[in-house]
C-alpha cells in the first residue's frame, strides 16, 4: 500500500542520501582552532556559512531570492542557494558546488569559505573524512587578530 508518508520520502529525499558526514578543522591566523561538522556532496566538502559570522562578518538574508550577503571590514561575500557562483569582494568567483540549506543552516563549499577568509592551506584526509584549513583571517576589528 502506497501511503502519503512514503510519497513524501520520494518527493523530498533526505540529505543523508546525497551527502556524507565529515569534519572541518580550522586554524585561525591568530592561533585559535575550531571544529565544525561538514557534509561531502558530489565530491565537494560543505561547511556551515555561520563560520563567516564567527569570523566577524555580518549577514543579511534575502529570503525571497535565497541570497545571503556577508559584510565586514572591507570584506563582502554574496552567495545564493543553488548557484555555483558567488561574489567575493566585488568579483564573481566559481564556488565548486552550489550552496544549499540543511536543518535551517546554509552550507557553502569549504574551499570557498577558506578563500573568503583569506586562508592559506587546505587538506583532505579521506580515510577519516576530515577537511583541514589553516591561516583563516578574522574581521572582528580593523586588523587580522
Foldseek 3Di string as FASTA:
>chain_A
DDDPVNVVCVVDPAVVVFWDKAKEWEAAQVGDIDIDIWIAGPNFIKDFPCVQVVLPWDWDADVVQQKIWTDFQLWIWIAHAPDQWIATSRDIDGQVDGWDDDPNTIIGGPVVQCVSQVWDDWDADPVRRYIYTYHGFGRNDNDTD
